[in-house]
């Protein structure tokens, strides 16, 4: 995958994640129901939404790091060993900084 193609994929995914986060924030801002059972159910839902938002934010950080590697001309090389990352791996995980051998 060329760095330009990876950049397009990463930017599209980043925009999608930002949209998800905005929707999650809107849902979390909804007023709390007055009924105790409804409020408990709402709280559970909020906890799930918060976890999803945190997961999306972590993915955005990985994408931003990959975009920085593209800008620096280092995309596609493992940040740990310096060897090229397999093309198939980059297609599946375009934000990965590691080759399969160095992946934690």
N, C-alpha and C. Protein backbone atom coordinates (compact mmCIF):
# COMPACT_ATOMS: atom_id res chain seq x y z
N UNK A 1 0.86 -1.17 0.00
CA UNK A 1 0.00 0.00 0.00
C UNK A 1 0.90 1.23 0.00
N UNK A 2 0.59 2.15 -0.89
CA UNK A 2 1.39 3.37 -0.92
C UNK A 2 1.04 4.24 0.28
N UNK A 3 1.97 5.09 0.70
CA UNK A 3 1.66 6.00 1.81
C UNK A 3 0.45 6.90 1.51
N UNK A 4 0.29 7.29 0.25
CA UNK A 4 -0.84 8.14 -0.12
C UNK A 4 -2.17 7.40 0.05
N UNK A 5 -2.19 6.13 -0.37
CA UNK A 5 -3.41 5.33 -0.21
C UNK A 5 -3.71 5.11 1.26
N UNK A 6 -2.67 4.83 2.03
CA UNK A 6 -2.85 4.64 3.48
C UNK A 6 -3.38 5.93 4.11
N UNK A 7 -2.85 7.05 3.69
CA UNK A 7 -3.28 8.35 4.24
C UNK A 7 -4.77 8.56 4.00
N UNK A 8 -5.23 8.27 2.79
CA UNK A 8 -6.66 8.43 2.48
C UNK A 8 -7.52 7.52 3.35
N UNK A 9 -7.10 6.27 3.49
CA UNK A 9 -7.85 5.32 4.32
C UNK A 9 -7.88 5.79 5.78
N UNK A 10 -6.73 6.22 6.27
CA UNK A 10 -6.63 6.65 7.67
C UNK A 10 -7.47 7.91 7.92
N UNK A 11 -7.42 8.86 7.00
CA UNK A 11 -8.21 10.08 7.17
C UNK A 11 -9.71 9.79 7.14
N UNK A 12 -10.13 8.88 6.27
CA UNK A 12 -11.56 8.51 6.21
C UNK A 12 -11.99 7.85 7.51
N UNK A 13 -11.16 6.95 8.02
CA UNK A 13 -11.49 6.27 9.28
C UNK A 13 -11.51 7.26 10.43
N UNK A 14 -10.57 8.21 10.43
CA UNK A 14 -10.52 9.23 11.48
C UNK A 14 -11.80 10.06 11.49
N UNK A 15 -12.25 10.45 10.31
CA UNK A 15 -13.50 11.23 10.21
C UNK A 15 -14.68 10.42 10.72
N UNK A 16 -14.72 9.14 10.38
CA UNK A 16 -15.79 8.26 10.86
C UNK A 16 -15.78 8.18 12.39
N UNK A 17 -14.61 8.03 12.97
CA UNK A 17 -14.50 7.93 14.43
C UNK A 17 -14.91 9.24 15.11
N UNK A 18 -14.51 10.36 14.53
CA UNK A 18 -14.91 11.65 15.10
C UNK A 18 -16.43 11.81 15.08
N UNK A 19 -17.07 11.34 14.01
CA UNK A 19 -18.53 11.35 13.95
C UNK A 19 -19.14 10.47 15.02
N UNK A 20 -18.55 9.28 15.23
CA UNK A 20 -19.03 8.39 16.29
C UNK A 20 -18.94 9.07 17.66
N UNK A 21 -17.80 9.69 17.91
CA UNK A 21 -17.59 10.35 19.21
C UNK A 21 -18.60 11.48 19.40
N UNK A 22 -18.87 12.25 18.35
CA UNK A 22 -19.85 13.34 18.46
C UNK A 22 -21.23 12.79 18.79
N UNK A 23 -21.62 11.68 18.15
CA UNK A 23 -22.92 11.08 18.45
C UNK A 23 -22.97 10.55 19.88
N UNK A 24 -21.89 9.95 20.32
CA UNK A 24 -21.83 9.44 21.69
C UNK A 24 -21.96 10.58 22.69
N UNK A 25 -21.25 11.68 22.44
CA UNK A 25 -21.34 12.83 23.34
C UNK A 25 -22.75 13.39 23.38
N UNK A 26 -23.42 13.43 22.22
CA UNK A 26 -24.81 13.90 22.18
C UNK A 26 -25.71 13.00 23.03
N UNK A 27 -25.51 11.69 22.91
CA UNK A 27 -26.34 10.76 23.68
C UNK A 27 -26.05 10.85 25.17
N UNK A 28 -24.80 11.09 25.52
CA UNK A 28 -24.45 11.22 26.94
C UNK A 28 -25.01 12.50 27.55
N UNK A 29 -25.27 13.49 26.70
CA UNK A 29 -25.82 14.76 27.18
C UNK A 29 -27.33 14.72 27.35
N UNK A 30 -27.98 13.64 26.92
CA UNK A 30 -29.43 13.53 27.08
C UNK A 30 -29.80 13.62 28.56
N UNK A 31 -30.96 14.22 28.87
CA UNK A 31 -31.37 14.32 30.28
C UNK A 31 -31.62 12.94 30.90
N UNK A 32 -31.34 12.84 32.19
CA UNK A 32 -31.52 11.59 32.94
C UNK A 32 -33.00 11.41 33.25
N UNK A 33 -33.55 10.22 32.98
CA UNK A 33 -34.96 9.97 33.30
C UNK A 33 -35.21 10.07 34.81
N UNK A 34 -36.42 10.46 35.19
CA UNK A 34 -36.77 10.58 36.61
C UNK A 34 -37.07 9.24 37.24
N UNK A 35 -37.56 8.30 36.47
CA UNK A 35 -37.88 6.97 36.99
C UNK A 35 -36.58 6.25 37.35
N UNK A 36 -36.55 5.63 38.55
CA UNK A 36 -35.33 4.99 39.06
C UNK A 36 -34.84 3.88 38.14
N UNK A 37 -35.73 3.01 37.68
CA UNK A 37 -35.33 1.90 36.81
C UNK A 37 -34.83 2.41 35.46
N UNK A 38 -35.51 3.41 34.94
CA UNK A 38 -35.06 3.99 33.67
C UNK A 38 -33.70 4.65 33.84
N UNK A 39 -33.50 5.32 34.97
CA UNK A 39 -32.23 5.99 35.24
C UNK A 39 -31.10 4.97 35.35
N UNK A 40 -31.36 3.83 35.99
CA UNK A 40 -30.35 2.78 36.12
C UNK A 40 -29.99 2.21 34.75
N UNK A 41 -31.00 2.00 33.94
CA UNK A 41 -30.76 1.49 32.59
C UNK A 41 -29.98 2.51 31.77
N UNK A 42 -30.33 3.76 31.93
CA UNK A 42 -29.64 4.84 31.22
C UNK A 42 -28.17 4.90 31.64
N UNK A 43 -27.92 4.72 32.93
CA UNK A 43 -26.54 4.75 33.43
C UNK A 43 -25.72 3.62 32.82
N UNK A 44 -26.31 2.44 32.73
CA UNK A 44 -25.62 1.31 32.09
C UNK A 44 -25.29 1.64 30.64
N UNK A 45 -26.25 2.20 29.96
CA UNK A 45 -26.03 2.60 28.57
C UNK A 45 -24.93 3.64 28.44
N UNK A 46 -24.91 4.59 29.38
CA UNK A 46 -23.87 5.62 29.37
C UNK A 46 -22.49 5.02 29.58
N UNK A 47 -22.40 4.01 30.44
CA UNK A 47 -21.11 3.36 30.68
C UNK A 47 -20.61 2.67 29.41
N UNK A 48 -21.51 2.04 28.68
CA UNK A 48 -21.14 1.40 27.42
C UNK A 48 -20.71 2.45 26.41
N UNK A 49 -21.47 3.53 26.31
CA UNK A 49 -21.12 4.60 25.37
C UNK A 49 -19.77 5.22 25.71
N UNK A 50 -19.51 5.41 27.00
CA UNK A 50 -18.23 5.97 27.42
C UNK A 50 -17.08 5.05 27.01
N UNK A 51 -17.25 3.76 27.21
CA UNK A 51 -16.21 2.80 26.82
C UNK A 51 -15.99 2.82 25.30
N UNK A 52 -17.07 2.91 24.54
CA UNK A 52 -16.95 2.99 23.09
C UNK A 52 -16.22 4.26 22.67
N UNK A 53 -16.54 5.37 23.32
CA UNK A 53 -15.88 6.63 23.02
C UNK A 53 -14.39 6.57 23.33
N UNK A 54 -14.03 5.94 24.43
CA UNK A 54 -12.62 5.80 24.78
C UNK A 54 -11.88 4.93 23.77
N UNK A 55 -12.53 3.88 23.32
CA UNK A 55 -11.94 3.01 22.30
C UNK A 55 -11.72 3.78 20.99
N UNK A 56 -12.71 4.58 20.61
CA UNK A 56 -12.58 5.40 19.40
C UNK A 56 -11.45 6.41 19.55
N UNK A 57 -11.32 7.03 20.72
CA UNK A 57 -10.25 8.00 20.94
C UNK A 57 -8.88 7.33 20.87
N UNK A 58 -8.76 6.12 21.38
CA UNK A 58 -7.49 5.40 21.30
C UNK A 58 -7.14 5.10 19.84
N UNK A 59 -8.15 4.73 19.05
CA UNK A 59 -7.90 4.46 17.63
C UNK A 59 -7.49 5.74 16.91
N UNK A 60 -8.09 6.87 17.26
CA UNK A 60 -7.70 8.15 16.65
C UNK A 60 -6.24 8.46 16.97
N UNK A 61 -5.81 8.19 18.20
CA UNK A 61 -4.40 8.42 18.54
C UNK A 61 -3.47 7.54 17.69
N UNK A 62 -3.86 6.29 17.46
CA UNK A 62 -3.05 5.40 16.61
C UNK A 62 -3.03 5.91 15.17
N UNK A 63 -4.17 6.39 14.70
CA UNK A 63 -4.24 6.93 13.34
C UNK A 63 -3.37 8.17 13.22
N UNK A 64 -3.44 9.06 14.20
CA UNK A 64 -2.61 10.27 14.17
C UNK A 64 -1.13 9.92 14.15
N UNK A 65 -0.74 8.89 14.90
CA UNK A 65 0.66 8.46 14.90
C UNK A 65 1.05 7.91 13.52
N UNK A 66 0.14 7.16 12.89
CA UNK A 66 0.42 6.63 11.55
C UNK A 66 0.53 7.77 10.54
N UNK A 67 -0.33 8.78 10.65
CA UNK A 67 -0.26 9.93 9.76
C UNK A 67 1.06 10.68 9.95
N UNK A 68 1.54 10.75 11.18
CA UNK A 68 2.83 11.39 11.45
C UNK A 68 3.97 10.58 10.81
N UNK A 69 3.87 9.25 10.86
CA UNK A 69 4.89 8.42 10.21
C UNK A 69 4.87 8.61 8.70
N UNK A 70 3.68 8.77 8.13
CA UNK A 70 3.57 9.04 6.69
C UNK A 70 4.25 10.36 6.37
N UNK A 71 3.96 11.39 7.14
CA UNK A 71 4.55 12.71 6.91
C UNK A 71 6.07 12.68 7.03
N UNK A 72 6.57 11.83 7.93
CA UNK A 72 8.01 11.73 8.15
C UNK A 72 8.69 10.78 7.16
N UNK A 73 7.90 10.12 6.30
CA UNK A 73 8.46 9.18 5.35
C UNK A 73 8.85 7.85 5.97
N UNK A 74 8.26 7.53 7.11
CA UNK A 74 8.60 6.31 7.84
C UNK A 74 7.48 5.28 7.85
N UNK A 75 6.41 5.55 7.13
CA UNK A 75 5.27 4.64 7.13
C UNK A 75 5.64 3.33 6.45
N UNK A 76 5.20 2.23 7.03
CA UNK A 76 5.46 0.91 6.46
C UNK A 76 6.68 0.23 7.04
N UNK A 77 7.43 0.95 7.87
CA UNK A 77 8.58 0.36 8.56
C UNK A 77 8.23 0.19 10.03
N UNK A 78 8.60 -0.96 10.58
CA UNK A 78 8.34 -1.24 11.99
C UNK A 78 9.10 -0.25 12.86
N UNK A 79 8.41 0.34 13.83
CA UNK A 79 9.06 1.32 14.71
C UNK A 79 10.01 0.66 15.70
N UNK A 80 9.90 -0.64 15.86
CA UNK A 80 10.76 -1.33 16.81
C UNK A 80 12.03 -1.88 16.15
N UNK A 81 11.87 -2.64 15.08
CA UNK A 81 13.04 -3.28 14.46
C UNK A 81 13.49 -2.59 13.17
N UNK A 82 12.62 -1.76 12.58
CA UNK A 82 12.97 -1.05 11.36
C UNK A 82 12.72 -1.83 10.08
N UNK A 83 12.33 -3.09 10.19
CA UNK A 83 12.04 -3.89 9.00
C UNK A 83 10.71 -3.47 8.39
N UNK A 84 10.55 -3.73 7.09
CA UNK A 84 9.27 -3.40 6.45
C UNK A 84 8.12 -4.22 7.05
N UNK A 85 6.98 -3.57 7.17
CA UNK A 85 5.75 -4.25 7.62
C UNK A 85 5.12 -4.88 6.38
N UNK A 86 4.69 -6.12 6.50
CA UNK A 86 4.10 -6.84 5.37
C UNK A 86 2.91 -6.08 4.80
N UNK A 87 2.82 -6.08 3.48
CA UNK A 87 1.74 -5.39 2.77
C UNK A 87 0.37 -5.84 3.26
N UNK A 88 0.19 -7.13 3.42
CA UNK A 88 -1.10 -7.67 3.88
C UNK A 88 -1.45 -7.12 5.26
N UNK A 89 -0.45 -7.03 6.13
CA UNK A 89 -0.67 -6.50 7.48
C UNK A 89 -1.09 -5.03 7.42
N UNK A 90 -0.45 -4.26 6.57
CA UNK A 90 -0.82 -2.84 6.42
C UNK A 90 -2.22 -2.69 5.84
N UNK A 91 -2.61 -3.60 4.96
CA UNK A 91 -3.96 -3.53 4.41
C UNK A 91 -5.00 -3.80 5.49
N UNK A 92 -4.70 -4.74 6.38
CA UNK A 92 -5.64 -5.08 7.45
C UNK A 92 -5.60 -4.09 8.60
N UNK A 93 -4.41 -3.58 8.91
CA UNK A 93 -4.20 -2.68 10.05
C UNK A 93 -3.39 -1.48 9.59
N UNK A 94 -3.98 -0.56 8.85
CA UNK A 94 -3.19 0.53 8.28
C UNK A 94 -2.55 1.46 9.32
N UNK A 95 -3.00 1.40 10.57
CA UNK A 95 -2.41 2.26 11.59
C UNK A 95 -1.33 1.55 12.42
N UNK A 96 -1.02 0.29 12.10
CA UNK A 96 -0.08 -0.45 12.92
C UNK A 96 1.34 0.10 12.80
N UNK A 97 2.03 0.24 13.93
CA UNK A 97 3.43 0.68 13.89
C UNK A 97 4.42 -0.50 13.90
N UNK A 98 3.90 -1.73 14.03
CA UNK A 98 4.76 -2.90 14.22
C UNK A 98 4.59 -3.94 13.12
N UNK A 99 5.68 -4.63 12.83
CA UNK A 99 5.60 -5.82 11.98
C UNK A 99 5.01 -6.95 12.84
N UNK A 100 4.69 -8.05 12.20
CA UNK A 100 4.08 -9.17 12.93
C UNK A 100 5.01 -9.71 14.02
N UNK A 101 6.31 -9.71 13.77
CA UNK A 101 7.25 -10.24 14.76
C UNK A 101 7.36 -9.36 16.01
N UNK A 102 7.22 -8.07 15.86
CA UNK A 102 7.38 -7.14 16.99
C UNK A 102 6.07 -6.75 17.65
N UNK A 103 4.96 -7.14 17.06
CA UNK A 103 3.65 -6.76 17.59
C UNK A 103 3.47 -7.28 19.02
N UNK A 104 3.05 -6.38 19.92
CA UNK A 104 2.85 -6.82 21.31
C UNK A 104 1.65 -7.74 21.48
